[in-house]
Structure formats: C-alpha cells, structure tokens
C-alpha cells in the first residue's frame, strides 16, 4: 500500500490568498484592495515563514500580470512582467508580513484590527515614498516628499477601509471554515492507496 502525504491546509490557504489577489480584477474604488489583508493572512496562517511571503507575493504578481496586460493592456506597447516601481508595493507587502508575524501569532480580533491599521499606514508610507523617490512627480526635497504624502491622503481612506474589510473577510471566513472543518487545523495528512 502506497502512502501519500498531502497538505490540505496549505492548499486551502493558498487558494484563499489567490482568490483575494484576483479580487483586484473586480471594479473597486482606488486603493480598496486586499494587499495588506493578504500579507497579514499569510503571516498568521502559513506554518513556514517563507511561504507566508512567497504565496501572497506570487498571487499578487499573477494578478498584476492580468491587470497590466489585460485590464490595462491598452496603456502598454509590450507585455508587462513588472510595472515601474513595483518593488515599492512589494516592499510594503513584506513589511506588512513582518507586522503580521509580530502581532498575529494568535489571531485575535483586537490584534487583527491593530495589524490592519498598521498595514494601512505602512502601505501609505512606503508606496508614497516610492512615488516621491521615482523623481518624476515631486521635487527631490523634504517639501516634495510632504507634498507627495499630502496628495496621497485622499487614497488613504480607501486603503484603510479595504484592509479592514478584506482582513475581516479573509480571517473571518477562514476561522469559520476551520471551525466547521477541523481537517484544516492540522497540516499534513497521509492517504493510503
């Protein structure tokens, strides 16, 4: 009899992150996106830390490929593997994951609220810093940086609401499903063939 190990939890977690990433394709207000929630979710639930970064980043990159080459394809004259300044968004993603590691060792509503708020602030600070650092829109001065942050403030509200809504949905749904399907609490199962 052959034994085969499968990791149902990893598969479900990866699917949840992938679905969240592709929800970016649904029409939404600017910056109302699952980016912070995906990173926090990965940090909270993937048992291997490297997967908490890799799975959400790969899911985000795949959704970026569709966004840049299908949804916004008319704005580019070539296939876009990475958009200009992508590394700022992905850096924010990594910082948010670190916040998740620190605050979400045990998922609790109050800690998730704090982590979601911090994720919004980190994304705002890093992504707008990236816009300023690109040197194309604002002067390379402290005043230019402050102008960039001021111009980004109207988008911060949607970032905050998006992180709170997506965090509530991702964590709430997974906790409920995990409660109803205890098989998701363990990581590896052996199937006898």
C-alpha atoms as a PDB file:
ATOM      1  CA  UNK A   1       0.000   0.000   0.000  1.00  0.00           C
ATOM      2  CA  UNK A   2       1.430   3.360  -1.069  1.00  0.00           C
ATOM      3  CA  UNK A   3       1.344   6.287   1.333  1.00  0.00           C
ATOM      4  CA  UNK A   4       0.969   9.807   0.013  1.00  0.00           C
ATOM      5  CA  UNK A   5       1.245  12.949   2.116  1.00  0.00           C
ATOM      6  CA  UNK A   6      -0.966  15.870   1.234  1.00  0.00           C
ATOM      7  CA  UNK A   7      -1.247  19.232   2.878  1.00  0.00           C
ATOM      8  CA  UNK A   8      -4.881  20.275   2.686  1.00  0.00           C
ATOM      9  CA  UNK A   9      -4.348  23.342   4.867  1.00  0.00           C
ATOM     10  CA  UNK A  10      -1.597  24.691   2.594  1.00  0.00           C
ATOM     11  CA  UNK A  11      -3.816  24.209  -0.446  1.00  0.00           C
ATOM     12  CA  UNK A  12      -6.791  25.969   1.116  1.00  0.00           C
ATOM     13  CA  UNK A  13      -4.656  28.846   2.440  1.00  0.00           C
ATOM     14  CA  UNK A  14      -3.030  29.289  -0.967  1.00  0.00           C
ATOM     15  CA  UNK A  15      -6.420  29.265  -2.683  1.00  0.00           C
ATOM     16  CA  UNK A  16      -7.782  31.903  -0.289  1.00  0.00           C
ATOM     17  CA  UNK A  17      -4.776  34.157  -0.966  1.00  0.00           C
ATOM     18  CA  UNK A  18      -5.057  33.619  -4.723  1.00  0.00           C
ATOM     19  CA  UNK A  19      -8.785  34.440  -4.713  1.00  0.00           C
ATOM     20  CA  UNK A  20      -8.107  37.568  -2.672  1.00  0.00           C
ATOM     21  CA  UNK A  21      -5.406  38.640  -5.139  1.00  0.00           C
ATOM     22  CA  UNK A  22      -7.705  38.136  -8.107  1.00  0.00           C
ATOM     23  CA  UNK A  23     -10.473  40.102  -6.410  1.00  0.00           C
ATOM     24  CA  UNK A  24      -8.371  43.069  -7.551  1.00  0.00           C
ATOM     25  CA  UNK A  25      -9.832  42.435 -11.025  1.00  0.00           C
ATOM     26  CA  UNK A  26     -13.323  43.304  -9.796  1.00  0.00           C
ATOM     27  CA  UNK A  27     -14.129  47.003 -10.239  1.00  0.00           C
ATOM     28  CA  UNK A  28     -13.404  48.813  -6.969  1.00  0.00           C
ATOM     29  CA  UNK A  29     -12.603  52.289  -5.641  1.00  0.00           C
ATOM     30  CA  UNK A  30      -8.930  53.325  -5.907  1.00  0.00           C
ATOM     31  CA  UNK A  31      -6.765  51.620  -3.248  1.00  0.00           C
ATOM     32  CA  UNK A  32      -9.647  49.488  -1.927  1.00  0.00           C
ATOM     33  CA  UNK A  33      -7.656  46.292  -2.290  1.00  0.00           C
ATOM     34  CA  UNK A  34      -6.710  43.098  -0.421  1.00  0.00           C
ATOM     35  CA  UNK A  35      -2.966  43.781  -0.405  1.00  0.00           C
ATOM     36  CA  UNK A  36      -2.482  44.331   3.333  1.00  0.00           C
ATOM     37  CA  UNK A  37      -5.003  41.658   4.282  1.00  0.00           C
ATOM     38  CA  UNK A  38      -3.308  39.047   2.082  1.00  0.00           C
ATOM     39  CA  UNK A  39       0.044  39.712   3.673  1.00  0.00           C
ATOM     40  CA  UNK A  40      -1.354  39.592   7.216  1.00  0.00           C
ATOM     41  CA  UNK A  41      -3.319  36.429   6.391  1.00  0.00           C
ATOM     42  CA  UNK A  42      -0.206  34.703   5.084  1.00  0.00           C
ATOM     43  CA  UNK A  43       1.813  35.697   8.140  1.00  0.00           C
ATOM     44  CA  UNK A  44      -0.889  34.472  10.502  1.00  0.00           C
ATOM     45  CA  UNK A  45      -1.648  31.093   8.952  1.00  0.00           C
ATOM     46  CA  UNK A  46       1.226  29.665   6.919  1.00  0.00           C
ATOM     47  CA  UNK A  47       3.305  27.476   9.201  1.00  0.00           C
ATOM     48  CA  UNK A  48       6.508  28.079   7.239  1.00  0.00           C
ATOM     49  CA  UNK A  49       7.524  31.733   7.333  1.00  0.00           C
ATOM     50  CA  UNK A  50       8.986  31.768   3.839  1.00  0.00           C
ATOM     51  CA  UNK A  51       5.614  30.610   2.446  1.00  0.00           C
ATOM     52  CA  UNK A  52       3.920  33.490   4.261  1.00  0.00           C
ATOM     53  CA  UNK A  53       5.885  35.784   1.931  1.00  0.00           C
ATOM     54  CA  UNK A  54       6.137  33.691  -1.231  1.00  0.00           C
ATOM     55  CA  UNK A  55       2.492  32.653  -1.653  1.00  0.00           C
ATOM     56  CA  UNK A  56       0.963  36.143  -1.264  1.00  0.00           C
ATOM     57  CA  UNK A  57       3.688  37.771  -3.383  1.00  0.00           C
ATOM     58  CA  UNK A  58       3.290  35.223  -6.188  1.00  0.00           C
ATOM     59  CA  UNK A  59      -0.513  35.601  -6.033  1.00  0.00           C
ATOM     60  CA  UNK A  60      -0.157  39.376  -6.203  1.00  0.00           C
ATOM     61  CA  UNK A  61       2.297  39.156  -9.096  1.00  0.00           C
ATOM     62  CA  UNK A  62      -0.073  36.860 -11.036  1.00  0.00           C
ATOM     63  CA  UNK A  63      -2.937  39.312 -10.524  1.00  0.00           C
ATOM     64  CA  UNK A  64      -0.577  42.145 -11.572  1.00  0.00           C
ATOM     65  CA  UNK A  65       0.141  40.270 -14.817  1.00  0.00           C
ATOM     66  CA  UNK A  66      -3.575  40.124 -15.610  1.00  0.00           C
ATOM     67  CA  UNK A  67      -4.192  43.722 -14.543  1.00  0.00           C
ATOM     68  CA  UNK A  68      -1.286  45.168 -16.537  1.00  0.00           C
ATOM     69  CA  UNK A  69      -1.632  43.028 -19.653  1.00  0.00           C
ATOM     70  CA  UNK A  70      -5.380  42.526 -19.930  1.00  0.00           C
ATOM     71  CA  UNK A  71      -7.296  45.141 -17.928  1.00  0.00           C
ATOM     72  CA  UNK A  72      -4.798  47.983 -18.579  1.00  0.00           C
ATOM     73  CA  UNK A  73      -3.110  46.420 -21.611  1.00  0.00           C
ATOM     74  CA  UNK A  74      -4.056  49.322 -23.886  1.00  0.00           C
ATOM     75  CA  UNK A  75      -1.721  51.581 -21.886  1.00  0.00           C
ATOM     76  CA  UNK A  76       1.373  49.493 -22.671  1.00  0.00           C
ATOM     77  CA  UNK A  77       3.003  48.706 -26.007  1.00  0.00           C
ATOM     78  CA  UNK A  78       4.586  45.483 -24.697  1.00  0.00           C
ATOM     79  CA  UNK A  79       3.973  42.620 -22.265  1.00  0.00           C
ATOM     80  CA  UNK A  80       4.499  43.871 -18.711  1.00  0.00           C
ATOM     81  CA  UNK A  81       6.205  41.441 -16.353  1.00  0.00           C
ATOM     82  CA  UNK A  82       6.752  44.105 -13.678  1.00  0.00           C
ATOM     83  CA  UNK A  83       5.344  47.618 -13.676  1.00  0.00           C
ATOM     84  CA  UNK A  84       7.535  50.622 -12.930  1.00  0.00           C
ATOM     85  CA  UNK A  85       8.025  50.996  -9.198  1.00  0.00           C
ATOM     86  CA  UNK A  86       6.523  47.584  -8.345  1.00  0.00           C
ATOM     87  CA  UNK A  87       9.263  46.998  -5.782  1.00  0.00           C
ATOM     88  CA  UNK A  88       7.819  49.693  -3.502  1.00  0.00           C
ATOM     89  CA  UNK A  89       4.451  47.918  -3.369  1.00  0.00           C
ATOM     90  CA  UNK A  90       6.121  44.563  -2.803  1.00  0.00           C
ATOM     91  CA  UNK A  91       8.407  46.037  -0.134  1.00  0.00           C
ATOM     92  CA  UNK A  92       5.325  47.336   1.692  1.00  0.00           C
ATOM     93  CA  UNK A  93       3.878  43.842   1.340  1.00  0.00           C
ATOM     94  CA  UNK A  94       6.947  42.376   3.083  1.00  0.00           C
ATOM     95  CA  UNK A  95       6.859  44.958   5.898  1.00  0.00           C
ATOM     96  CA  UNK A  96       3.163  44.186   6.433  1.00  0.00           C
ATOM     97  CA  UNK A  97       4.022  40.480   6.662  1.00  0.00           C
ATOM     98  CA  UNK A  98       6.544  41.283   9.395  1.00  0.00           C
ATOM     99  CA  UNK A  99       3.806  43.152  11.274  1.00  0.00           C
ATOM    100  CA  UNK A 100       1.653  40.044  10.937  1.00  0.00           C
ATOM    101  CA  UNK A 101       4.398  37.839  12.367  1.00  0.00           C
ATOM    102  CA  UNK A 102       4.715  40.152  15.337  1.00  0.00           C
ATOM    103  CA  UNK A 103       1.047  40.707  16.116  1.00  0.00           C
ATOM    104  CA  UNK A 104      -0.797  37.658  14.818  1.00  0.00           C
ATOM    105  CA  UNK A 105       0.924  34.721  16.447  1.00  0.00           C
ATOM    106  CA  UNK A 106      -2.544  34.066  17.831  1.00  0.00           C
ATOM    107  CA  UNK A 107      -5.339  35.576  15.789  1.00  0.00           C
ATOM    108  CA  UNK A 108      -7.488  37.785  18.000  1.00  0.00           C
ATOM    109  CA  UNK A 109      -9.926  40.475  16.788  1.00  0.00           C
ATOM    110  CA  UNK A 110      -8.173  43.332  18.628  1.00  0.00           C
ATOM    111  CA  UNK A 111      -4.742  42.324  17.324  1.00  0.00           C
ATOM    112  CA  UNK A 112      -6.132  41.906  13.806  1.00  0.00           C
ATOM    113  CA  UNK A 113      -7.634  45.398  13.995  1.00  0.00           C
ATOM    114  CA  UNK A 114      -4.295  46.878  15.109  1.00  0.00           C
ATOM    115  CA  UNK A 115      -2.390  44.906  12.438  1.00  0.00           C
ATOM    116  CA  UNK A 116      -4.834  46.071   9.731  1.00  0.00           C
ATOM    117  CA  UNK A 117      -4.479  49.696  10.801  1.00  0.00           C
ATOM    118  CA  UNK A 118      -0.680  49.415  10.852  1.00  0.00           C
ATOM    119  CA  UNK A 119      -0.742  47.698   7.453  1.00  0.00           C
ATOM    120  CA  UNK A 120      -2.634  50.662   6.022  1.00  0.00           C
ATOM    121  CA  UNK A 121      -0.131  53.127   7.443  1.00  0.00           C
ATOM    122  CA  UNK A 122       2.864  51.109   6.225  1.00  0.00           C
ATOM    123  CA  UNK A 123       1.420  50.781   2.734  1.00  0.00           C
ATOM    124  CA  UNK A 124       0.668  54.514   2.613  1.00  0.00           C
ATOM    125  CA  UNK A 125       4.145  55.496   3.808  1.00  0.00           C
ATOM    126  CA  UNK A 126       6.107  53.076   1.621  1.00  0.00           C
ATOM    127  CA  UNK A 127       4.094  53.405  -1.591  1.00  0.00           C
ATOM    128  CA  UNK A 128       4.008  57.202  -1.473  1.00  0.00           C
ATOM    129  CA  UNK A 129       7.694  57.314  -0.621  1.00  0.00           C
ATOM    130  CA  UNK A 130       8.218  55.241  -3.764  1.00  0.00           C
ATOM    131  CA  UNK A 131       6.254  57.733  -5.859  1.00  0.00           C
ATOM    132  CA  UNK A 132       8.388  60.567  -4.460  1.00  0.00           C
ATOM    133  CA  UNK A 133      11.657  58.626  -4.864  1.00  0.00           C
ATOM    134  CA  UNK A 134      10.906  57.966  -8.538  1.00  0.00           C
ATOM    135  CA  UNK A 135      11.673  61.665  -9.024  1.00  0.00           C
ATOM    136  CA  UNK A 136       9.130  62.146 -11.788  1.00  0.00           C
ATOM    137  CA  UNK A 137       6.284  63.934  -9.997  1.00  0.00           C
ATOM    138  CA  UNK A 138       7.698  65.735  -6.951  1.00  0.00           C
ATOM    139  CA  UNK A 139      10.879  67.678  -6.205  1.00  0.00           C
ATOM    140  CA  UNK A 140      13.698  65.723  -4.583  1.00  0.00           C
ATOM    141  CA  UNK A 141      13.284  67.654  -1.317  1.00  0.00           C
ATOM    142  CA  UNK A 142      11.640  67.142   2.044  1.00  0.00           C
ATOM    143  CA  UNK A 143       8.932  69.550   0.904  1.00  0.00           C
ATOM    144  CA  UNK A 144       8.426  67.404  -2.194  1.00  0.00           C
ATOM    145  CA  UNK A 145       8.057  64.304  -0.020  1.00  0.00           C
ATOM    146  CA  UNK A 146       5.495  66.034   2.182  1.00  0.00           C
ATOM    147  CA  UNK A 147       3.605  67.173  -0.940  1.00  0.00           C
ATOM    148  CA  UNK A 148       3.562  63.577  -2.153  1.00  0.00           C
ATOM    149  CA  UNK A 149       2.166  62.343   1.162  1.00  0.00           C
ATOM    150  CA  UNK A 150      -0.429  65.140   1.148  1.00  0.00           C
ATOM    151  CA  UNK A 151      -1.506  64.176  -2.382  1.00  0.00           C
ATOM    152  CA  UNK A 152      -1.861  60.542  -1.256  1.00  0.00           C
ATOM    153  CA  UNK A 153      -4.093  61.320   1.728  1.00  0.00           C
ATOM    154  CA  UNK A 154      -7.404  61.070  -0.210  1.00  0.00           C
ATOM    155  CA  UNK A 155      -6.488  57.484  -1.134  1.00  0.00           C
ATOM    156  CA  UNK A 156      -5.575  56.510   2.432  1.00  0.00           C
ATOM    157  CA  UNK A 157      -9.223  56.208   3.481  1.00  0.00           C
ATOM    158  CA  UNK A 158      -9.860  53.525   0.844  1.00  0.00           C
ATOM    159  CA  UNK A 159      -6.642  51.720   1.793  1.00  0.00           C
ATOM    160  CA  UNK A 160      -7.782  51.666   5.407  1.00  0.00           C
ATOM    161  CA  UNK A 161     -11.339  50.541   4.619  1.00  0.00           C
ATOM    162  CA  UNK A 162     -10.037  47.938   2.156  1.00  0.00           C
ATOM    163  CA  UNK A 163      -7.599  46.463   4.674  1.00  0.00           C
ATOM    164  CA  UNK A 164     -10.257  46.322   7.376  1.00  0.00           C
ATOM    165  CA  UNK A 165     -12.893  44.807   5.068  1.00  0.00           C
ATOM    166  CA  UNK A 166     -10.595  42.250   3.444  1.00  0.00           C
ATOM    167  CA  UNK A 167      -8.951  41.305   6.754  1.00  0.00           C
ATOM    168  CA  UNK A 168     -12.357  40.792   8.320  1.00  0.00           C
ATOM    169  CA  UNK A 169     -13.489  38.695   5.362  1.00  0.00           C
ATOM    170  CA  UNK A 170     -10.342  36.584   4.925  1.00  0.00           C
ATOM    171  CA  UNK A 171      -9.749  35.894   8.604  1.00  0.00           C
ATOM    172  CA  UNK A 172     -13.442  35.550   9.463  1.00  0.00           C
ATOM    173  CA  UNK A 173     -14.213  33.132   6.658  1.00  0.00           C
ATOM    174  CA  UNK A 174     -11.118  31.030   7.260  1.00  0.00           C
ATOM    175  CA  UNK A 175     -11.698  30.840  11.017  1.00  0.00           C
ATOM    176  CA  UNK A 176     -15.326  29.790  10.388  1.00  0.00           C
ATOM    177  CA  UNK A 177     -14.346  27.185   7.781  1.00  0.00           C
ATOM    178  CA  UNK A 178     -11.565  25.911  10.039  1.00  0.00           C
ATOM    179  CA  UNK A 179     -14.086  25.587  12.882  1.00  0.00           C
ATOM    180  CA  UNK A 180     -16.511  23.667  10.653  1.00  0.00           C
ATOM    181  CA  UNK A 181     -13.784  21.548   9.013  1.00  0.00           C
ATOM    182  CA  UNK A 182     -11.273  20.553  11.700  1.00  0.00           C
ATOM    183  CA  UNK A 183      -9.187  18.851   8.987  1.00  0.00           C
ATOM    184  CA  UNK A 184      -7.832  22.355   8.219  1.00  0.00           C
ATOM    185  CA  UNK A 185      -6.334  22.698  11.693  1.00  0.00           C
ATOM    186  CA  UNK A 186      -3.681  20.057  11.001  1.00  0.00           C
ATOM    187  CA  UNK A 187      -1.076  20.467   8.367  1.00  0.00           C
ATOM    188  CA  UNK A 188      -0.323  17.080   6.813  1.00  0.00           C
ATOM    189  CA  UNK A 189      -2.461  14.025   6.187  1.00  0.00           C
ATOM    190  CA  UNK A 190      -1.412  10.612   4.952  1.00  0.00           C
ATOM    191  CA  UNK A 191      -3.547   8.926   2.341  1.00  0.00           C
ATOM    192  CA  UNK A 192      -3.230   5.191   1.930  1.00  0.00           C
ATOM    193  CA  UNK A 193      -3.631   3.963  -1.628  1.00  0.00           C
END
